[in-house]
Amino acid sequence: MSNERKRDLVREYKERKQRRGVYVVRCTASDQVWASASPNLDAQQNSLWFQLKLGSHPNRVLQSAWNQHREAALSFEAVDELDDSERTPYALKADLAELEALWREKLGAGRVTG
């Protein structure tokens, strides 16, 4: 692959729009549910699973469910996304927090972050 092609791929990656919204983690073995908002839904599962595999996730209940039931019992699902309209960082944070609160109440879910 040429250096020019590599630069183009990096530029395209940096310029792509990130999906923002709320995701849910479910443990099928224990029927536990956790929900949280993320400014980057596409990268969130990798980050979350990495912390759980290392045993270093700050939510001890979620970490315990992972340790006890393993990865096969947990699922990750994006349940709601914000539209692509331009928002200030403050407005984005506020909108994500509001959306998270709605989903946590609707599902009776705990916080992913503990």
N, C-alpha and C. Protein backbone atom coordinates (compact mmCIF):
# COMPACT_ATOMS: atom_id res chain seq x y z
N MET A 1 0.85 -1.17 0.00
CA MET A 1 0.00 0.00 0.00
C MET A 1 0.90 1.24 0.00
N SER A 2 0.55 2.18 -0.83
CA SER A 2 1.38 3.38 -0.94
C SER A 2 1.18 4.29 0.26
N ASN A 3 2.18 5.16 0.49
CA ASN A 3 2.08 6.11 1.60
C ASN A 3 0.91 7.07 1.39
N GLU A 4 0.66 7.43 0.16
CA GLU A 4 -0.46 8.34 -0.13
C GLU A 4 -1.79 7.68 0.23
N ARG A 5 -1.93 6.41 -0.11
CA ARG A 5 -3.15 5.67 0.22
C ARG A 5 -3.32 5.56 1.74
N LYS A 6 -2.25 5.32 2.44
CA LYS A 6 -2.31 5.25 3.91
C LYS A 6 -2.77 6.58 4.49
N ARG A 7 -2.22 7.68 3.98
CA ARG A 7 -2.62 9.02 4.46
C ARG A 7 -4.10 9.26 4.19
N ASP A 8 -4.57 8.84 3.02
CA ASP A 8 -5.98 9.01 2.68
C ASP A 8 -6.88 8.22 3.62
N LEU A 9 -6.49 7.00 3.92
CA LEU A 9 -7.28 6.17 4.84
C LEU A 9 -7.33 6.77 6.24
N VAL A 10 -6.21 7.28 6.72
CA VAL A 10 -6.17 7.92 8.03
C VAL A 10 -7.06 9.16 8.05
N ARG A 11 -6.97 9.96 7.00
CA ARG A 11 -7.79 11.17 6.91
C ARG A 11 -9.27 10.81 6.89
N GLU A 12 -9.66 9.81 6.10
CA GLU A 12 -11.06 9.38 6.03
C GLU A 12 -11.55 8.89 7.38
N TYR A 13 -10.71 8.15 8.09
CA TYR A 13 -11.08 7.65 9.41
C TYR A 13 -11.33 8.81 10.39
N LYS A 14 -10.46 9.80 10.36
CA LYS A 14 -10.59 10.93 11.28
C LYS A 14 -11.80 11.80 10.94
N GLU A 15 -12.19 11.84 9.67
CA GLU A 15 -13.28 12.71 9.25
C GLU A 15 -14.65 12.04 9.33
N ARG A 16 -14.70 10.75 9.57
CA ARG A 16 -16.00 10.07 9.59
C ARG A 16 -16.82 10.54 10.79
N LYS A 17 -18.12 10.53 10.61
CA LYS A 17 -19.02 10.94 11.69
C LYS A 17 -19.16 9.80 12.69
N GLN A 18 -19.08 10.14 13.95
CA GLN A 18 -19.23 9.14 15.00
C GLN A 18 -20.70 9.02 15.37
N ARG A 19 -21.13 7.77 15.59
CA ARG A 19 -22.49 7.55 16.07
C ARG A 19 -22.50 7.85 17.57
N ARG A 20 -23.46 8.66 17.99
CA ARG A 20 -23.58 9.04 19.39
C ARG A 20 -24.94 8.62 19.90
N GLY A 21 -24.98 8.12 21.12
CA GLY A 21 -26.27 7.71 21.65
C GLY A 21 -26.15 6.87 22.91
N VAL A 22 -27.13 6.01 23.11
CA VAL A 22 -27.22 5.19 24.32
C VAL A 22 -27.08 3.72 23.95
N TYR A 23 -26.35 3.00 24.78
CA TYR A 23 -26.19 1.56 24.59
C TYR A 23 -26.60 0.85 25.86
N VAL A 24 -26.93 -0.43 25.68
CA VAL A 24 -27.37 -1.27 26.79
C VAL A 24 -26.51 -2.53 26.82
N VAL A 25 -26.13 -2.93 28.02
CA VAL A 25 -25.44 -4.20 28.24
C VAL A 25 -26.38 -5.07 29.04
N ARG A 26 -26.64 -6.27 28.54
CA ARG A 26 -27.54 -7.20 29.22
C ARG A 26 -26.79 -8.47 29.58
N CYS A 27 -27.09 -8.99 30.75
CA CYS A 27 -26.59 -10.29 31.16
C CYS A 27 -27.76 -11.26 31.10
N THR A 28 -27.72 -12.18 30.14
CA THR A 28 -28.83 -13.11 29.96
C THR A 28 -28.92 -14.12 31.10
N ALA A 29 -27.82 -14.41 31.73
CA ALA A 29 -27.81 -15.39 32.83
C ALA A 29 -28.46 -14.85 34.10
N SER A 30 -28.32 -13.55 34.34
CA SER A 30 -28.84 -12.98 35.59
C SER A 30 -29.95 -11.96 35.38
N ASP A 31 -30.31 -11.69 34.13
CA ASP A 31 -31.33 -10.70 33.78
C ASP A 31 -30.99 -9.29 34.25
N GLN A 32 -29.71 -8.99 34.44
CA GLN A 32 -29.30 -7.64 34.82
C GLN A 32 -29.13 -6.79 33.56
N VAL A 33 -29.39 -5.49 33.71
CA VAL A 33 -29.29 -4.57 32.58
C VAL A 33 -28.58 -3.31 33.04
N TRP A 34 -27.67 -2.82 32.20
CA TRP A 34 -26.97 -1.57 32.44
C TRP A 34 -27.09 -0.72 31.19
N ALA A 35 -27.19 0.59 31.36
CA ALA A 35 -27.30 1.49 30.21
C ALA A 35 -26.39 2.70 30.43
N SER A 36 -25.89 3.22 29.33
CA SER A 36 -25.05 4.41 29.39
C SER A 36 -25.05 5.10 28.05
N ALA A 37 -24.65 6.36 28.05
CA ALA A 37 -24.53 7.13 26.82
C ALA A 37 -23.07 7.14 26.39
N SER A 38 -22.87 7.31 25.09
CA SER A 38 -21.51 7.36 24.56
C SER A 38 -21.45 8.32 23.37
N PRO A 39 -20.39 9.13 23.31
CA PRO A 39 -20.20 9.99 22.14
C PRO A 39 -19.64 9.21 20.95
N ASN A 40 -19.29 7.93 21.15
CA ASN A 40 -18.76 7.11 20.07
C ASN A 40 -19.21 5.66 20.26
N LEU A 41 -20.40 5.36 19.79
CA LEU A 41 -20.97 4.02 19.97
C LEU A 41 -20.14 2.94 19.29
N ASP A 42 -19.52 3.27 18.17
CA ASP A 42 -18.77 2.27 17.42
C ASP A 42 -17.54 1.76 18.19
N ALA A 43 -16.95 2.59 19.02
CA ALA A 43 -15.77 2.19 19.77
C ALA A 43 -16.10 1.74 21.20
N GLN A 44 -17.31 1.98 21.63
CA GLN A 44 -17.66 1.74 23.03
C GLN A 44 -17.58 0.28 23.44
N GLN A 45 -18.09 -0.63 22.63
CA GLN A 45 -18.07 -2.04 23.03
C GLN A 45 -16.64 -2.54 23.17
N ASN A 46 -15.76 -2.18 22.26
CA ASN A 46 -14.36 -2.62 22.38
C ASN A 46 -13.75 -2.13 23.68
N SER A 47 -13.99 -0.88 24.01
CA SER A 47 -13.46 -0.32 25.24
C SER A 47 -14.01 -1.04 26.47
N LEU A 48 -15.30 -1.24 26.47
CA LEU A 48 -15.97 -1.89 27.60
C LEU A 48 -15.50 -3.33 27.77
N TRP A 49 -15.47 -4.10 26.68
CA TRP A 49 -15.04 -5.50 26.76
C TRP A 49 -13.58 -5.59 27.18
N PHE A 50 -12.74 -4.67 26.73
CA PHE A 50 -11.34 -4.66 27.12
C PHE A 50 -11.19 -4.49 28.63
N GLN A 51 -11.92 -3.53 29.21
CA GLN A 51 -11.86 -3.32 30.66
C GLN A 51 -12.35 -4.55 31.41
N LEU A 52 -13.43 -5.15 30.92
CA LEU A 52 -13.98 -6.34 31.59
C LEU A 52 -13.02 -7.52 31.51
N LYS A 53 -12.39 -7.72 30.36
CA LYS A 53 -11.44 -8.82 30.21
C LYS A 53 -10.24 -8.65 31.14
N LEU A 54 -9.83 -7.40 31.35
CA LEU A 54 -8.72 -7.14 32.27
C LEU A 54 -9.12 -7.23 33.74
N GLY A 55 -10.43 -7.23 33.99
CA GLY A 55 -10.92 -7.26 35.36
C GLY A 55 -10.82 -5.91 36.04
N SER A 56 -10.79 -4.84 35.25
CA SER A 56 -10.57 -3.51 35.81
C SER A 56 -11.74 -2.56 35.60
N HIS A 57 -12.92 -3.07 35.30
CA HIS A 57 -14.06 -2.18 35.08
C HIS A 57 -14.50 -1.58 36.41
N PRO A 58 -14.82 -0.28 36.43
CA PRO A 58 -15.18 0.37 37.70
C PRO A 58 -16.52 -0.08 38.29
N ASN A 59 -17.41 -0.63 37.47
CA ASN A 59 -18.69 -1.12 37.99
C ASN A 59 -18.48 -2.56 38.48
N ARG A 60 -18.40 -2.72 39.78
CA ARG A 60 -18.11 -4.03 40.37
C ARG A 60 -19.20 -5.06 40.08
N VAL A 61 -20.47 -4.63 40.00
CA VAL A 61 -21.57 -5.56 39.73
C VAL A 61 -21.46 -6.08 38.30
N LEU A 62 -21.20 -5.19 37.35
CA LEU A 62 -21.01 -5.60 35.96
C LEU A 62 -19.77 -6.48 35.83
N GLN A 63 -18.70 -6.11 36.49
CA GLN A 63 -17.48 -6.92 36.44
C GLN A 63 -17.73 -8.30 37.03
N SER A 64 -18.50 -8.37 38.10
CA SER A 64 -18.83 -9.65 38.72
C SER A 64 -19.66 -10.52 37.78
N ALA A 65 -20.62 -9.91 37.08
CA ALA A 65 -21.43 -10.66 36.12
C ALA A 65 -20.55 -11.21 35.00
N TRP A 66 -19.59 -10.40 34.56
CA TRP A 66 -18.64 -10.86 33.52
C TRP A 66 -17.80 -12.03 34.05
N ASN A 67 -17.27 -11.87 35.25
CA ASN A 67 -16.41 -12.91 35.82
C ASN A 67 -17.17 -14.21 36.03
N GLN A 68 -18.42 -14.09 36.45
CA GLN A 68 -19.21 -15.27 36.78
C GLN A 68 -19.77 -15.96 35.54
N HIS A 69 -20.27 -15.17 34.56
CA HIS A 69 -20.99 -15.75 33.42
C HIS A 69 -20.22 -15.67 32.11
N ARG A 70 -19.14 -14.92 32.08
CA ARG A 70 -18.27 -14.76 30.91
C ARG A 70 -18.94 -13.99 29.77
N GLU A 71 -18.18 -13.76 28.74
CA GLU A 71 -18.59 -12.91 27.62
C GLU A 71 -19.84 -13.42 26.91
N ALA A 72 -20.00 -14.71 26.79
CA ALA A 72 -21.13 -15.27 26.04
C ALA A 72 -22.48 -14.88 26.64
N ALA A 73 -22.53 -14.58 27.93
CA ALA A 73 -23.79 -14.22 28.59
C ALA A 73 -24.10 -12.73 28.52
N LEU A 74 -23.15 -11.93 28.07
CA LEU A 74 -23.37 -10.48 27.99
C LEU A 74 -23.55 -10.04 26.55
N SER A 75 -24.46 -9.11 26.36
CA SER A 75 -24.68 -8.57 25.02
C SER A 75 -24.59 -7.04 25.07
N PHE A 76 -24.22 -6.46 23.96
CA PHE A 76 -24.07 -5.02 23.80
C PHE A 76 -25.00 -4.60 22.68
N GLU A 77 -25.81 -3.56 22.92
CA GLU A 77 -26.75 -3.12 21.90
C GLU A 77 -26.89 -1.59 21.95
N ALA A 78 -26.75 -0.95 20.80
CA ALA A 78 -27.05 0.47 20.69
C ALA A 78 -28.56 0.60 20.58
N VAL A 79 -29.19 1.29 21.52
CA VAL A 79 -30.66 1.36 21.54
C VAL A 79 -31.21 2.69 21.04
N ASP A 80 -30.40 3.72 21.03
CA ASP A 80 -30.88 5.03 20.58
C ASP A 80 -29.70 5.86 20.11
N GLU A 81 -29.90 6.63 19.06
CA GLU A 81 -28.83 7.48 18.53
C GLU A 81 -29.33 8.90 18.38
N LEU A 82 -28.41 9.83 18.59
CA LEU A 82 -28.71 11.25 18.34
C LEU A 82 -28.56 11.52 16.86
N ASP A 83 -29.30 12.48 16.35
CA ASP A 83 -29.17 12.83 14.94
C ASP A 83 -27.84 13.53 14.69
N ASP A 84 -27.55 13.80 13.45
CA ASP A 84 -26.26 14.37 13.07
C ASP A 84 -26.18 15.89 13.19
N SER A 85 -27.17 16.52 13.80
CA SER A 85 -27.13 17.98 13.88
C SER A 85 -25.93 18.45 14.70
N GLU A 86 -25.45 19.60 14.35
CA GLU A 86 -24.29 20.17 15.05
C GLU A 86 -24.70 20.59 16.46
N ARG A 87 -23.90 20.23 17.42
CA ARG A 87 -24.13 20.60 18.82
C ARG A 87 -22.82 21.09 19.40
N THR A 88 -22.93 22.00 20.34
CA THR A 88 -21.74 22.38 21.09
C THR A 88 -21.38 21.20 21.98
N PRO A 89 -20.14 21.10 22.45
CA PRO A 89 -19.78 20.01 23.35
C PRO A 89 -20.68 19.96 24.59
N TYR A 90 -21.04 21.14 25.10
CA TYR A 90 -21.91 21.19 26.28
C TYR A 90 -23.29 20.63 25.95
N ALA A 91 -23.85 21.02 24.81
CA ALA A 91 -25.18 20.55 24.41
C ALA A 91 -25.16 19.05 24.14
N LEU A 92 -24.09 18.55 23.53
CA LEU A 92 -23.97 17.12 23.27
C LEU A 92 -23.97 16.35 24.59
N LYS A 93 -23.19 16.81 25.54
CA LYS A 93 -23.12 16.14 26.84
C LYS A 93 -24.49 16.15 27.53
N ALA A 94 -25.18 17.27 27.48
CA ALA A 94 -26.49 17.39 28.11
C ALA A 94 -27.52 16.49 27.42
N ASP A 95 -27.50 16.47 26.10
CA ASP A 95 -28.44 15.63 25.35
C ASP A 95 -28.20 14.15 25.61
N LEU A 96 -26.94 13.75 25.66
CA LEU A 96 -26.61 12.36 25.95
C LEU A 96 -27.05 11.97 27.37
N ALA A 97 -26.84 12.86 28.32
CA ALA A 97 -27.23 12.59 29.71
C ALA A 97 -28.75 12.44 29.82
N GLU A 98 -29.48 13.28 29.12
CA GLU A 98 -30.94 13.20 29.15
C GLU A 98 -31.43 11.90 28.51
N LEU A 99 -30.86 11.54 27.39
CA LEU A 99 -31.23 10.31 26.70
C LEU A 99 -30.90 9.09 27.56
N GLU A 100 -29.73 9.12 28.21
CA GLU A 100 -29.36 8.01 29.10
C GLU A 100 -30.35 7.87 30.24
N ALA A 101 -30.74 8.98 30.86
CA ALA A 101 -31.68 8.93 31.97
C ALA A 101 -33.02 8.34 31.53
N LEU A 102 -33.47 8.70 30.34
CA LEU A 102 -34.73 8.16 29.82
C LEU A 102 -34.66 6.64 29.66
N TRP A 103 -33.58 6.16 29.07
CA TRP A 103 -33.43 4.72 28.85
C TRP A 103 -33.21 3.95 30.16
N ARG A 104 -32.47 4.53 31.07
CA ARG A 104 -32.26 3.84 32.35
C ARG A 104 -33.58 3.69 33.09
N GLU A 105 -34.40 4.73 33.05
CA GLU A 105 -35.71 4.65 33.70
C GLU A 105 -36.62 3.66 32.98
N LYS A 106 -36.63 3.71 31.67
CA LYS A 106 -37.49 2.84 30.87
C LYS A 106 -37.15 1.36 31.10
N LEU A 107 -35.87 1.04 31.22
CA LEU A 107 -35.43 -0.35 31.36
C LEU A 107 -35.19 -0.77 32.80
N GLY A 108 -35.23 0.17 33.73
CA GLY A 108 -34.86 -0.15 35.11
C GLY A 108 -33.40 -0.57 35.19
N ALA A 109 -32.58 0.09 34.40
CA ALA A 109 -31.18 -0.31 34.25
C ALA A 109 -30.26 0.46 35.19
N GLY A 110 -29.18 -0.18 35.57
CA GLY A 110 -28.13 0.47 36.33
C GLY A 110 -27.19 1.23 35.40
N ARG A 111 -26.26 1.96 35.99
CA ARG A 111 -25.25 2.67 35.20
C ARG A 111 -24.14 1.70 34.83
N VAL A 112 -23.66 1.84 33.61
CA VAL A 112 -22.53 1.03 33.19
C VAL A 112 -21.29 1.40 33.98
N THR A 113 -21.13 2.69 34.25
CA THR A 113 -19.91 3.17 34.89
C THR A 113 -19.92 3.02 36.40
N GLY A 114 -20.93 2.46 36.97
CA GLY A 114 -20.93 2.21 38.40
C GLY A 114 -21.58 3.25 39.15
